[in-house]
mmCIF file of all heavy atoms, coordinates in Angstrom:
data_MODEL
# 
_entry.id   MODEL 
# 
loop_
_atom_site.group_PDB 
_atom_site.id 
_atom_site.type_symbol 
_atom_site.label_atom_id 
_atom_site.label_alt_id 
_atom_site.label_comp_id 
_atom_site.label_asym_id 
_atom_site.label_entity_id 
_atom_site.label_seq_id 
_atom_site.pdbx_PDB_ins_code 
_atom_site.Cartn_x 
_atom_site.Cartn_y 
_atom_site.Cartn_z 
_atom_site.occupancy 
_atom_site.B_iso_or_equiv 
_atom_site.pdbx_formal_charge 
_atom_site.auth_seq_id 
_atom_site.auth_comp_id 
_atom_site.auth_asym_id 
_atom_site.auth_atom_id 
_atom_site.pdbx_PDB_model_num 
ATOM 1   N N   . GLY A 1 1  ? 109.468 35.355 109.215 1.00 0.00 ? 1  GLY A N   1 
ATOM 2   C CA  . GLY A 1 1  ? 109.364 34.317 110.255 1.00 0.00 ? 1  GLY A CA  1 
ATOM 3   C C   . GLY A 1 1  ? 110.800 33.803 110.452 1.00 0.00 ? 1  GLY A C   1 
ATOM 4   O O   . GLY A 1 1  ? 111.562 34.265 111.275 1.00 0.00 ? 1  GLY A O   1 
ATOM 5   N N   . ILE A 1 2  ? 111.243 32.928 109.556 1.00 0.00 ? 2  ILE A N   1 
ATOM 6   C CA  . ILE A 1 2  ? 112.646 32.532 109.463 1.00 0.00 ? 2  ILE A CA  1 
ATOM 7   C C   . ILE A 1 2  ? 113.468 33.711 108.852 1.00 0.00 ? 2  ILE A C   1 
ATOM 8   O O   . ILE A 1 2  ? 114.608 33.989 109.393 1.00 0.00 ? 2  ILE A O   1 
ATOM 9   C CB  . ILE A 1 2  ? 112.723 31.267 108.617 1.00 0.00 ? 2  ILE A CB  1 
ATOM 10  C CG1 . ILE A 1 2  ? 111.914 30.136 109.196 1.00 0.00 ? 2  ILE A CG1 1 
ATOM 11  C CG2 . ILE A 1 2  ? 114.220 30.819 108.473 1.00 0.00 ? 2  ILE A CG2 1 
ATOM 12  C CD1 . ILE A 1 2  ? 111.904 28.912 108.321 1.00 0.00 ? 2  ILE A CD1 1 
ATOM 13  N N   . MET A 1 3  ? 112.957 34.316 107.910 1.00 0.00 ? 3  MET A N   1 
ATOM 14  C CA  . MET A 1 3  ? 113.700 35.398 107.193 1.00 0.00 ? 3  MET A CA  1 
ATOM 15  C C   . MET A 1 3  ? 113.562 36.717 108.031 1.00 0.00 ? 3  MET A C   1 
ATOM 16  O O   . MET A 1 3  ? 112.458 37.112 108.461 1.00 0.00 ? 3  MET A O   1 
ATOM 17  C CB  . MET A 1 3  ? 112.986 35.662 105.811 1.00 0.00 ? 3  MET A CB  1 
ATOM 18  C CG  . MET A 1 3  ? 113.742 36.728 104.910 1.00 0.00 ? 3  MET A CG  1 
ATOM 19  S SD  . MET A 1 3  ? 115.261 36.128 104.371 1.00 0.00 ? 3  MET A SD  1 
ATOM 20  C CE  . MET A 1 3  ? 116.403 37.197 105.264 1.00 0.00 ? 3  MET A CE  1 
ATOM 21  N N   . ARG A 1 4  ? 114.745 37.357 108.276 1.00 0.00 ? 4  ARG A N   1 
ATOM 22  C CA  . ARG A 1 4  ? 114.704 38.532 109.088 1.00 0.00 ? 4  ARG A CA  1 
ATOM 23  C C   . ARG A 1 4  ? 114.502 39.758 108.244 1.00 0.00 ? 4  ARG A C   1 
ATOM 24  O O   . ARG A 1 4  ? 115.074 40.003 107.097 1.00 0.00 ? 4  ARG A O   1 
ATOM 25  C CB  . ARG A 1 4  ? 116.019 38.682 109.815 1.00 0.00 ? 4  ARG A CB  1 
ATOM 26  C CG  . ARG A 1 4  ? 116.150 37.692 110.965 1.00 0.00 ? 4  ARG A CG  1 
ATOM 27  C CD  . ARG A 1 4  ? 117.613 37.475 111.332 1.00 0.00 ? 4  ARG A CD  1 
ATOM 28  N NE  . ARG A 1 4  ? 118.402 38.716 111.363 1.00 0.00 ? 4  ARG A NE  1 
ATOM 29  C CZ  . ARG A 1 4  ? 119.764 38.791 111.175 1.00 0.00 ? 4  ARG A CZ  1 
ATOM 30  N NH1 . ARG A 1 4  ? 120.408 37.656 111.147 1.00 0.00 ? 4  ARG A NH1 1 
ATOM 31  N NH2 . ARG A 1 4  ? 120.400 39.932 111.167 1.00 0.00 ? 4  ARG A NH2 1 
ATOM 32  N N   . CYS A 1 5  ? 113.725 40.701 108.639 1.00 0.00 ? 5  CYS A N   1 
ATOM 33  C CA  . CYS A 1 5  ? 113.393 41.896 107.809 1.00 0.00 ? 5  CYS A CA  1 
ATOM 34  C C   . CYS A 1 5  ? 114.581 42.832 107.653 1.00 0.00 ? 5  CYS A C   1 
ATOM 35  O O   . CYS A 1 5  ? 114.704 43.490 106.655 1.00 0.00 ? 5  CYS A O   1 
ATOM 36  C CB  . CYS A 1 5  ? 112.256 42.652 108.553 1.00 0.00 ? 5  CYS A CB  1 
ATOM 37  S SG  . CYS A 1 5  ? 110.639 41.870 108.552 1.00 0.00 ? 5  CYS A SG  1 
ATOM 38  N N   . ASP A 1 6  ? 115.449 42.832 108.625 1.00 0.00 ? 6  ASP A N   1 
ATOM 39  C CA  . ASP A 1 6  ? 116.640 43.673 108.525 1.00 0.00 ? 6  ASP A CA  1 
ATOM 40  C C   . ASP A 1 6  ? 117.596 43.211 107.411 1.00 0.00 ? 6  ASP A C   1 
ATOM 41  O O   . ASP A 1 6  ? 118.208 44.013 106.775 1.00 0.00 ? 6  ASP A O   1 
ATOM 42  C CB  . ASP A 1 6  ? 117.416 43.775 109.864 1.00 0.00 ? 6  ASP A CB  1 
ATOM 43  C CG  . ASP A 1 6  ? 117.796 42.438 110.424 1.00 0.00 ? 6  ASP A CG  1 
ATOM 44  O OD1 . ASP A 1 6  ? 117.070 41.492 110.369 1.00 0.00 ? 6  ASP A OD1 1 
ATOM 45  O OD2 . ASP A 1 6  ? 118.977 42.311 110.932 1.00 0.00 ? 6  ASP A OD2 1 
ATOM 46  N N   . VAL A 1 7  ? 117.621 41.917 107.205 1.00 0.00 ? 7  VAL A N   1 
ATOM 47  C CA  . VAL A 1 7  ? 118.438 41.346 106.182 1.00 0.00 ? 7  VAL A CA  1 
ATOM 48  C C   . VAL A 1 7  ? 117.976 41.791 104.811 1.00 0.00 ? 7  VAL A C   1 
ATOM 49  O O   . VAL A 1 7  ? 118.698 42.148 103.915 1.00 0.00 ? 7  VAL A O   1 
ATOM 50  C CB  . VAL A 1 7  ? 118.612 39.781 106.216 1.00 0.00 ? 7  VAL A CB  1 
ATOM 51  C CG1 . VAL A 1 7  ? 119.277 39.175 105.079 1.00 0.00 ? 7  VAL A CG1 1 
ATOM 52  C CG2 . VAL A 1 7  ? 119.307 39.416 107.476 1.00 0.00 ? 7  VAL A CG2 1 
ATOM 53  N N   . ILE A 1 8  ? 116.627 41.635 104.649 1.00 0.00 ? 8  ILE A N   1 
ATOM 54  C CA  . ILE A 1 8  ? 115.935 42.087 103.392 1.00 0.00 ? 8  ILE A CA  1 
ATOM 55  C C   . ILE A 1 8  ? 116.225 43.591 103.183 1.00 0.00 ? 8  ILE A C   1 
ATOM 56  O O   . ILE A 1 8  ? 116.535 43.933 102.095 1.00 0.00 ? 8  ILE A O   1 
ATOM 57  C CB  . ILE A 1 8  ? 114.493 41.843 103.476 1.00 0.00 ? 8  ILE A CB  1 
ATOM 58  C CG1 . ILE A 1 8  ? 114.193 40.357 103.488 1.00 0.00 ? 8  ILE A CG1 1 
ATOM 59  C CG2 . ILE A 1 8  ? 113.704 42.489 102.254 1.00 0.00 ? 8  ILE A CG2 1 
ATOM 60  C CD1 . ILE A 1 8  ? 114.408 39.656 102.221 1.00 0.00 ? 8  ILE A CD1 1 
ATOM 61  N N   . ALA A 1 9  ? 116.047 44.362 104.169 1.00 0.00 ? 9  ALA A N   1 
ATOM 62  C CA  . ALA A 1 9  ? 116.290 45.791 104.081 1.00 0.00 ? 9  ALA A CA  1 
ATOM 63  C C   . ALA A 1 9  ? 117.664 46.085 103.628 1.00 0.00 ? 9  ALA A C   1 
ATOM 64  O O   . ALA A 1 9  ? 117.920 46.963 102.747 1.00 0.00 ? 9  ALA A O   1 
ATOM 65  C CB  . ALA A 1 9  ? 115.948 46.535 105.383 1.00 0.00 ? 9  ALA A CB  1 
ATOM 66  N N   . GLU A 1 10 ? 118.682 45.451 104.252 1.00 0.00 ? 10 GLU A N   1 
ATOM 67  C CA  . GLU A 1 10 ? 120.135 45.700 103.943 1.00 0.00 ? 10 GLU A CA  1 
ATOM 68  C C   . GLU A 1 10 ? 120.368 45.301 102.469 1.00 0.00 ? 10 GLU A C   1 
ATOM 69  O O   . GLU A 1 10 ? 121.096 46.053 101.772 1.00 0.00 ? 10 GLU A O   1 
ATOM 70  C CB  . GLU A 1 10 ? 120.985 44.901 104.804 1.00 0.00 ? 10 GLU A CB  1 
ATOM 71  C CG  . GLU A 1 10 ? 121.074 45.433 106.284 1.00 0.00 ? 10 GLU A CG  1 
ATOM 72  C CD  . GLU A 1 10 ? 121.940 44.497 107.214 1.00 0.00 ? 10 GLU A CD  1 
ATOM 73  O OE1 . GLU A 1 10 ? 122.198 43.388 106.655 1.00 0.00 ? 10 GLU A OE1 1 
ATOM 74  O OE2 . GLU A 1 10 ? 122.027 44.893 108.360 1.00 0.00 ? 10 GLU A OE2 1 
ATOM 75  N N   . GLY A 1 11 ? 119.746 44.213 101.976 1.00 0.00 ? 11 GLY A N   1 
ATOM 76  C CA  . GLY A 1 11 ? 119.925 43.802 100.599 1.00 0.00 ? 11 GLY A CA  1 
ATOM 77  C C   . GLY A 1 11 ? 119.312 44.726 99.623  1.00 0.00 ? 11 GLY A C   1 
ATOM 78  O O   . GLY A 1 11 ? 119.900 45.080 98.604  1.00 0.00 ? 11 GLY A O   1 
ATOM 79  N N   . VAL A 1 12 ? 118.109 45.274 99.915  1.00 0.00 ? 12 VAL A N   1 
ATOM 80  C CA  . VAL A 1 12 ? 117.458 46.234 99.030  1.00 0.00 ? 12 VAL A CA  1 
ATOM 81  C C   . VAL A 1 12 ? 118.313 47.497 98.913  1.00 0.00 ? 12 VAL A C   1 
ATOM 82  O O   . VAL A 1 12 ? 118.472 48.003 97.848  1.00 0.00 ? 12 VAL A O   1 
ATOM 83  C CB  . VAL A 1 12 ? 116.040 46.511 99.569  1.00 0.00 ? 12 VAL A CB  1 
ATOM 84  C CG1 . VAL A 1 12 ? 115.448 47.613 98.738  1.00 0.00 ? 12 VAL A CG1 1 
ATOM 85  C CG2 . VAL A 1 12 ? 115.179 45.305 99.372  1.00 0.00 ? 12 VAL A CG2 1 
ATOM 86  N N   . VAL A 1 13 ? 118.729 47.940 100.061 1.00 0.00 ? 13 VAL A N   1 
ATOM 87  C CA  . VAL A 1 13 ? 119.530 49.250 100.086 1.00 0.00 ? 13 VAL A CA  1 
ATOM 88  C C   . VAL A 1 13 ? 120.756 49.021 99.340  1.00 0.00 ? 13 VAL A C   1 
ATOM 89  O O   . VAL A 1 13 ? 121.192 49.865 98.440  1.00 0.00 ? 13 VAL A O   1 
ATOM 90  C CB  . VAL A 1 13 ? 119.838 49.676 101.552 1.00 0.00 ? 13 VAL A CB  1 
ATOM 91  C CG1 . VAL A 1 13 ? 120.854 50.808 101.612 1.00 0.00 ? 13 VAL A CG1 1 
ATOM 92  C CG2 . VAL A 1 13 ? 118.475 50.018 102.266 1.00 0.00 ? 13 VAL A CG2 1 
ATOM 93  N N   . ALA A 1 14 ? 121.471 47.903 99.545  1.00 0.00 ? 14 ALA A N   1 
ATOM 94  C CA  . ALA A 1 14 ? 122.710 47.657 98.830  1.00 0.00 ? 14 ALA A CA  1 
ATOM 95  C C   . ALA A 1 14 ? 122.579 47.632 97.338  1.00 0.00 ? 14 ALA A C   1 
ATOM 96  O O   . ALA A 1 14 ? 123.315 48.145 96.537  1.00 0.00 ? 14 ALA A O   1 
ATOM 97  C CB  . ALA A 1 14 ? 123.408 46.431 99.331  1.00 0.00 ? 14 ALA A CB  1 
ATOM 98  N N   . ALA A 1 15 ? 121.446 46.988 96.899  1.00 0.00 ? 15 ALA A N   1 
ATOM 99  C CA  . ALA A 1 15 ? 121.174 46.795 95.526  1.00 0.00 ? 15 ALA A CA  1 
ATOM 100 C C   . ALA A 1 15 ? 120.796 48.128 94.877  1.00 0.00 ? 15 ALA A C   1 
ATOM 101 O O   . ALA A 1 15 ? 121.294 48.375 93.714  1.00 0.00 ? 15 ALA A O   1 
ATOM 102 C CB  . ALA A 1 15 ? 119.980 45.833 95.278  1.00 0.00 ? 15 ALA A CB  1 
ATOM 103 N N   . VAL A 1 16 ? 120.006 48.941 95.476  1.00 0.00 ? 16 VAL A N   1 
ATOM 104 C CA  . VAL A 1 16 ? 119.591 50.256 95.023  1.00 0.00 ? 16 VAL A CA  1 
ATOM 105 C C   . VAL A 1 16 ? 120.795 51.113 94.773  1.00 0.00 ? 16 VAL A C   1 
ATOM 106 O O   . VAL A 1 16 ? 121.011 51.846 93.804  1.00 0.00 ? 16 VAL A O   1 
ATOM 107 C CB  . VAL A 1 16 ? 118.549 50.889 95.901  1.00 0.00 ? 16 VAL A CB  1 
ATOM 108 C CG1 . VAL A 1 16 ? 118.356 52.343 95.442  1.00 0.00 ? 16 VAL A CG1 1 
ATOM 109 C CG2 . VAL A 1 16 ? 117.240 50.174 95.782  1.00 0.00 ? 16 VAL A CG2 1 
ATOM 110 N N   . LYS A 1 17 ? 121.779 51.090 95.802  1.00 0.00 ? 17 LYS A N   1 
ATOM 111 C CA  . LYS A 1 17 ? 122.883 51.925 95.722  1.00 0.00 ? 17 LYS A CA  1 
ATOM 112 C C   . LYS A 1 17 ? 123.889 51.466 94.505  1.00 0.00 ? 17 LYS A C   1 
ATOM 113 O O   . LYS A 1 17 ? 124.565 52.242 93.943  1.00 0.00 ? 17 LYS A O   1 
ATOM 114 C CB  . LYS A 1 17 ? 123.750 51.860 97.037  1.00 0.00 ? 17 LYS A CB  1 
ATOM 115 C CG  . LYS A 1 17 ? 123.026 52.602 98.147  1.00 0.00 ? 17 LYS A CG  1 
ATOM 116 C CD  . LYS A 1 17 ? 123.857 52.531 99.453  1.00 0.00 ? 17 LYS A CD  1 
ATOM 117 C CE  . LYS A 1 17 ? 123.208 53.318 100.568 1.00 0.00 ? 17 LYS A CE  1 
ATOM 118 N NZ  . LYS A 1 17 ? 123.861 53.305 101.837 1.00 0.00 ? 17 LYS A NZ  1 
ATOM 119 N N   . GLU A 1 18 ? 123.784 50.147 94.261  1.00 0.00 ? 18 GLU A N   1 
ATOM 120 C CA  . GLU A 1 18 ? 124.656 49.549 93.207  1.00 0.00 ? 18 GLU A CA  1 
ATOM 121 C C   . GLU A 1 18 ? 124.088 49.844 91.816  1.00 0.00 ? 18 GLU A C   1 
ATOM 122 O O   . GLU A 1 18 ? 124.825 50.220 90.919  1.00 0.00 ? 18 GLU A O   1 
ATOM 123 C CB  . GLU A 1 18 ? 124.900 48.118 93.408  1.00 0.00 ? 18 GLU A CB  1 
ATOM 124 C CG  . GLU A 1 18 ? 125.807 47.477 92.448  1.00 0.00 ? 18 GLU A CG  1 
ATOM 125 C CD  . GLU A 1 18 ? 126.110 46.029 92.743  1.00 0.00 ? 18 GLU A CD  1 
ATOM 126 O OE1 . GLU A 1 18 ? 126.006 45.639 93.913  1.00 0.00 ? 18 GLU A OE1 1 
ATOM 127 O OE2 . GLU A 1 18 ? 126.633 45.328 91.857  1.00 0.00 ? 18 GLU A OE2 1 
ATOM 128 N N   . VAL A 1 19 ? 122.848 49.648 91.589  1.00 0.00 ? 19 VAL A N   1 
ATOM 129 C CA  . VAL A 1 19 ? 122.201 49.693 90.230  1.00 0.00 ? 19 VAL A CA  1 
ATOM 130 C C   . VAL A 1 19 ? 121.316 50.916 90.030  1.00 0.00 ? 19 VAL A C   1 
ATOM 131 O O   . VAL A 1 19 ? 120.879 51.290 88.923  1.00 0.00 ? 19 VAL A O   1 
ATOM 132 C CB  . VAL A 1 19 ? 121.401 48.409 89.949  1.00 0.00 ? 19 VAL A CB  1 
ATOM 133 C CG1 . VAL A 1 19 ? 122.154 47.146 90.011  1.00 0.00 ? 19 VAL A CG1 1 
ATOM 134 C CG2 . VAL A 1 19 ? 120.162 48.290 90.884  1.00 0.00 ? 19 VAL A CG2 1 
ATOM 135 N N   . GLY A 1 20 ? 121.027 51.600 91.177  1.00 0.00 ? 20 GLY A N   1 
ATOM 136 C CA  . GLY A 1 20 ? 120.122 52.803 91.055  1.00 0.00 ? 20 GLY A CA  1 
ATOM 137 C C   . GLY A 1 20 ? 118.703 52.438 91.109  1.00 0.00 ? 20 GLY A C   1 
ATOM 138 O O   . GLY A 1 20 ? 118.306 51.243 90.938  1.00 0.00 ? 20 GLY A O   1 
ATOM 139 N N   . LEU A 1 21 ? 117.804 53.365 91.270  1.00 0.00 ? 21 LEU A N   1 
ATOM 140 C CA  . LEU A 1 21 ? 116.365 53.144 91.340  1.00 0.00 ? 21 LEU A CA  1 
ATOM 141 C C   . LEU A 1 21 ? 115.654 54.109 90.381  1.00 0.00 ? 21 LEU A C   1 
ATOM 142 O O   . LEU A 1 21 ? 115.613 55.310 90.660  1.00 0.00 ? 21 LEU A O   1 
ATOM 143 C CB  . LEU A 1 21 ? 115.843 53.366 92.777  1.00 0.00 ? 21 LEU A CB  1 
ATOM 144 C CG  . LEU A 1 21 ? 114.355 53.041 93.036  1.00 0.00 ? 21 LEU A CG  1 
ATOM 145 C CD1 . LEU A 1 21 ? 114.099 51.611 92.780  1.00 0.00 ? 21 LEU A CD1 1 
ATOM 146 C CD2 . LEU A 1 21 ? 113.988 53.314 94.498  1.00 0.00 ? 21 LEU A CD2 1 
ATOM 147 N N   . LYS A 1 22 ? 115.117 53.534 89.319  1.00 0.00 ? 22 LYS A N   1 
ATOM 148 C CA  . LYS A 1 22 ? 114.515 54.351 88.235  1.00 0.00 ? 22 LYS A CA  1 
ATOM 149 C C   . LYS A 1 22 ? 113.016 54.190 88.222  1.00 0.00 ? 22 LYS A C   1 
ATOM 150 O O   . LYS A 1 22 ? 112.352 54.788 87.402  1.00 0.00 ? 22 LYS A O   1 
ATOM 151 C CB  . LYS A 1 22 ? 115.121 53.958 86.939  1.00 0.00 ? 22 LYS A CB  1 
ATOM 152 C CG  . LYS A 1 22 ? 116.588 54.169 86.870  1.00 0.00 ? 22 LYS A CG  1 
ATOM 153 C CD  . LYS A 1 22 ? 117.162 53.803 85.460  1.00 0.00 ? 22 LYS A CD  1 
ATOM 154 C CE  . LYS A 1 22 ? 118.735 53.993 85.493  1.00 0.00 ? 22 LYS A CE  1 
ATOM 155 N NZ  . LYS A 1 22 ? 119.300 53.571 84.274  1.00 0.00 ? 22 LYS A NZ  1 
ATOM 156 N N   . VAL A 1 23 ? 112.479 53.285 89.077  1.00 0.00 ? 23 VAL A N   1 
ATOM 157 C CA  . VAL A 1 23 ? 110.996 53.040 89.084  1.00 0.00 ? 23 VAL A CA  1 
ATOM 158 C C   . VAL A 1 23 ? 110.495 53.084 90.572  1.00 0.00 ? 23 VAL A C   1 
ATOM 159 O O   . VAL A 1 23 ? 111.286 52.977 91.518  1.00 0.00 ? 23 VAL A O   1 
ATOM 160 C CB  . VAL A 1 23 ? 110.713 51.665 88.554  1.00 0.00 ? 23 VAL A CB  1 
ATOM 161 C CG1 . VAL A 1 23 ? 111.031 51.510 87.046  1.00 0.00 ? 23 VAL A CG1 1 
ATOM 162 C CG2 . VAL A 1 23 ? 111.402 50.517 89.344  1.00 0.00 ? 23 VAL A CG2 1 
ATOM 163 N N   . PRO A 1 24 ? 109.266 53.278 90.788  1.00 0.00 ? 24 PRO A N   1 
ATOM 164 C CA  . PRO A 1 24 ? 108.671 53.304 92.109  1.00 0.00 ? 24 PRO A CA  1 
ATOM 165 C C   . PRO A 1 24 ? 108.981 52.009 92.913  1.00 0.00 ? 24 PRO A C   1 
ATOM 166 O O   . PRO A 1 24 ? 108.871 50.985 92.248  1.00 0.00 ? 24 PRO A O   1 
ATOM 167 C CB  . PRO A 1 24 ? 107.166 53.458 91.879  1.00 0.00 ? 24 PRO A CB  1 
ATOM 168 C CG  . PRO A 1 24 ? 107.016 54.120 90.498  1.00 0.00 ? 24 PRO A CG  1 
ATOM 169 C CD  . PRO A 1 24 ? 108.176 53.534 89.755  1.00 0.00 ? 24 PRO A CD  1 
ATOM 170 N N   . LEU A 1 25 ? 109.146 52.171 94.135  1.00 0.00 ? 25 LEU A N   1 
ATOM 171 C CA  . LEU A 1 25 ? 109.475 51.024 95.010  1.00 0.00 ? 25 LEU A CA  1 
ATOM 172 C C   . LEU A 1 25 ? 108.625 51.072 96.277  1.00 0.00 ? 25 LEU A C   1 
ATOM 173 O O   . LEU A 1 25 ? 108.693 52.012 97.012  1.00 0.00 ? 25 LEU A O   1 
ATOM 174 C CB  . LEU A 1 25 ? 110.960 50.997 95.437  1.00 0.00 ? 25 LEU A CB  1 
ATOM 175 C CG  . LEU A 1 25 ? 111.405 49.956 96.490  1.00 0.00 ? 25 LEU A CG  1 
ATOM 176 C CD1 . LEU A 1 25 ? 111.145 48.518 95.945  1.00 0.00 ? 25 LEU A CD1 1 
ATOM 177 C CD2 . LEU A 1 25 ? 112.840 50.152 96.901  1.00 0.00 ? 25 LEU A CD2 1 
ATOM 178 N N   . VAL A 1 26 ? 107.770 50.067 96.428  1.00 0.00 ? 26 VAL A N   1 
ATOM 179 C CA  . VAL A 1 26 ? 106.908 49.988 97.595  1.00 0.00 ? 26 VAL A CA  1 
ATOM 180 C C   . VAL A 1 26 ? 107.474 48.759 98.444  1.00 0.00 ? 26 VAL A C   1 
ATOM 181 O O   . VAL A 1 26 ? 107.655 47.722 97.926  1.00 0.00 ? 26 VAL A O   1 
ATOM 182 C CB  . VAL A 1 26 ? 105.469 49.735 97.292  1.00 0.00 ? 26 VAL A CB  1 
ATOM 183 C CG1 . VAL A 1 26 ? 104.606 49.475 98.534  1.00 0.00 ? 26 VAL A CG1 1 
ATOM 184 C CG2 . VAL A 1 26 ? 104.949 50.907 96.473  1.00 0.00 ? 26 VAL A CG2 1 
ATOM 185 N N   . VAL A 1 27 ? 107.669 49.014 99.826  1.00 0.00 ? 27 VAL A N   1 
ATOM 186 C CA  . VAL A 1 27 ? 108.189 47.986 100.629 1.00 0.00 ? 27 VAL A CA  1 
ATOM 187 C C   . VAL A 1 27 ? 107.167 47.721 101.792 1.00 0.00 ? 27 VAL A C   1 
ATOM 188 O O   . VAL A 1 27 ? 106.800 48.710 102.506 1.00 0.00 ? 27 VAL A O   1 
ATOM 189 C CB  . VAL A 1 27 ? 109.520 48.460 101.248 1.00 0.00 ? 27 VAL A CB  1 
ATOM 190 C CG1 . VAL A 1 27 ? 110.056 47.367 102.222 1.00 0.00 ? 27 VAL A CG1 1 
ATOM 191 C CG2 . VAL A 1 27 ? 110.538 48.604 100.066 1.00 0.00 ? 27 VAL A CG2 1 
ATOM 192 N N   . ARG A 1 28 ? 106.807 46.532 101.985 1.00 0.00 ? 28 ARG A N   1 
ATOM 193 C CA  . ARG A 1 28 ? 106.029 46.084 103.127 1.00 0.00 ? 28 ARG A CA  1 
ATOM 194 C C   . ARG A 1 28 ? 106.766 45.065 103.864 1.00 0.00 ? 28 ARG A C   1 
ATOM 195 O O   . ARG A 1 28 ? 107.156 44.040 103.452 1.00 0.00 ? 28 ARG A O   1 
ATOM 196 C CB  . ARG A 1 28 ? 104.648 45.540 102.615 1.00 0.00 ? 28 ARG A CB  1 
ATOM 197 C CG  . ARG A 1 28 ? 103.756 45.033 103.733 1.00 0.00 ? 28 ARG A CG  1 
ATOM 198 C CD  . ARG A 1 28 ? 103.761 43.576 103.973 1.00 0.00 ? 28 ARG A CD  1 
ATOM 199 N NE  . ARG A 1 28 ? 102.877 43.073 104.959 1.00 0.00 ? 28 ARG A NE  1 
ATOM 200 C CZ  . ARG A 1 28 ? 102.417 41.855 105.160 1.00 0.00 ? 28 ARG A CZ  1 
ATOM 201 N NH1 . ARG A 1 28 ? 102.756 40.944 104.251 1.00 0.00 ? 28 ARG A NH1 1 
ATOM 202 N NH2 . ARG A 1 28 ? 101.576 41.546 106.151 1.00 0.00 ? 28 ARG A NH2 1 
ATOM 203 N N   . LEU A 1 29 ? 107.072 45.457 105.179 1.00 0.00 ? 29 LEU A N   1 
ATOM 204 C CA  . LEU A 1 29 ? 107.813 44.566 106.059 1.00 0.00 ? 29 LEU A CA  1 
ATOM 205 C C   . LEU A 1 29 ? 106.958 44.179 107.258 1.00 0.00 ? 29 LEU A C   1 
ATOM 206 O O   . LEU A 1 29 ? 106.312 45.075 107.799 1.00 0.00 ? 29 LEU A O   1 
ATOM 207 C CB  . LEU A 1 29 ? 109.179 45.140 106.425 1.00 0.00 ? 29 LEU A CB  1 
ATOM 208 C CG  . LEU A 1 29 ? 110.196 45.512 105.413 1.00 0.00 ? 29 LEU A CG  1 
ATOM 209 C CD1 . LEU A 1 29 ? 111.284 46.257 106.039 1.00 0.00 ? 29 LEU A CD1 1 
ATOM 210 C CD2 . LEU A 1 29 ? 110.703 44.275 104.701 1.00 0.00 ? 29 LEU A CD2 1 
ATOM 211 N N   . GLU A 1 30 ? 107.034 42.900 107.658 1.00 0.00 ? 30 GLU A N   1 
ATOM 212 C CA  . GLU A 1 30 ? 106.310 42.520 108.879 1.00 0.00 ? 30 GLU A CA  1 
ATOM 213 C C   . GLU A 1 30 ? 107.039 41.224 109.378 1.00 0.00 ? 30 GLU A C   1 
ATOM 214 O O   . GLU A 1 30 ? 107.482 40.410 108.663 1.00 0.00 ? 30 GLU A O   1 
ATOM 215 C CB  . GLU A 1 30 ? 104.864 42.155 108.582 1.00 0.00 ? 30 GLU A CB  1 
ATOM 216 C CG  . GLU A 1 30 ? 104.008 42.092 109.790 1.00 0.00 ? 30 GLU A CG  1 
ATOM 217 C CD  . GLU A 1 30 ? 103.952 43.417 110.587 1.00 0.00 ? 30 GLU A CD  1 
ATOM 218 O OE1 . GLU A 1 30 ? 103.396 44.301 110.006 1.00 0.00 ? 30 GLU A OE1 1 
ATOM 219 O OE2 . GLU A 1 30 ? 104.457 43.370 111.715 1.00 0.00 ? 30 GLU A OE2 1 
ATOM 220 N N   . GLY A 1 31 ? 107.127 41.163 110.818 1.00 0.00 ? 31 GLY A N   1 
ATOM 221 C CA  . GLY A 1 31 ? 107.711 39.906 111.366 1.00 0.00 ? 31 GLY A CA  1 
ATOM 222 C C   . GLY A 1 31 ? 109.049 40.209 112.121 1.00 0.00 ? 31 GLY A C   1 
ATOM 223 O O   . GLY A 1 31 ? 109.228 41.281 112.696 1.00 0.00 ? 31 GLY A O   1 
# 
């Protein structure tokens, strides 16, 4: 609503690239 989905997506991508992803990740975006 106030929070934009693209900002969340950019943050998740940046974090995964920095620390790696070793467990399953499910993403649900709406709004």
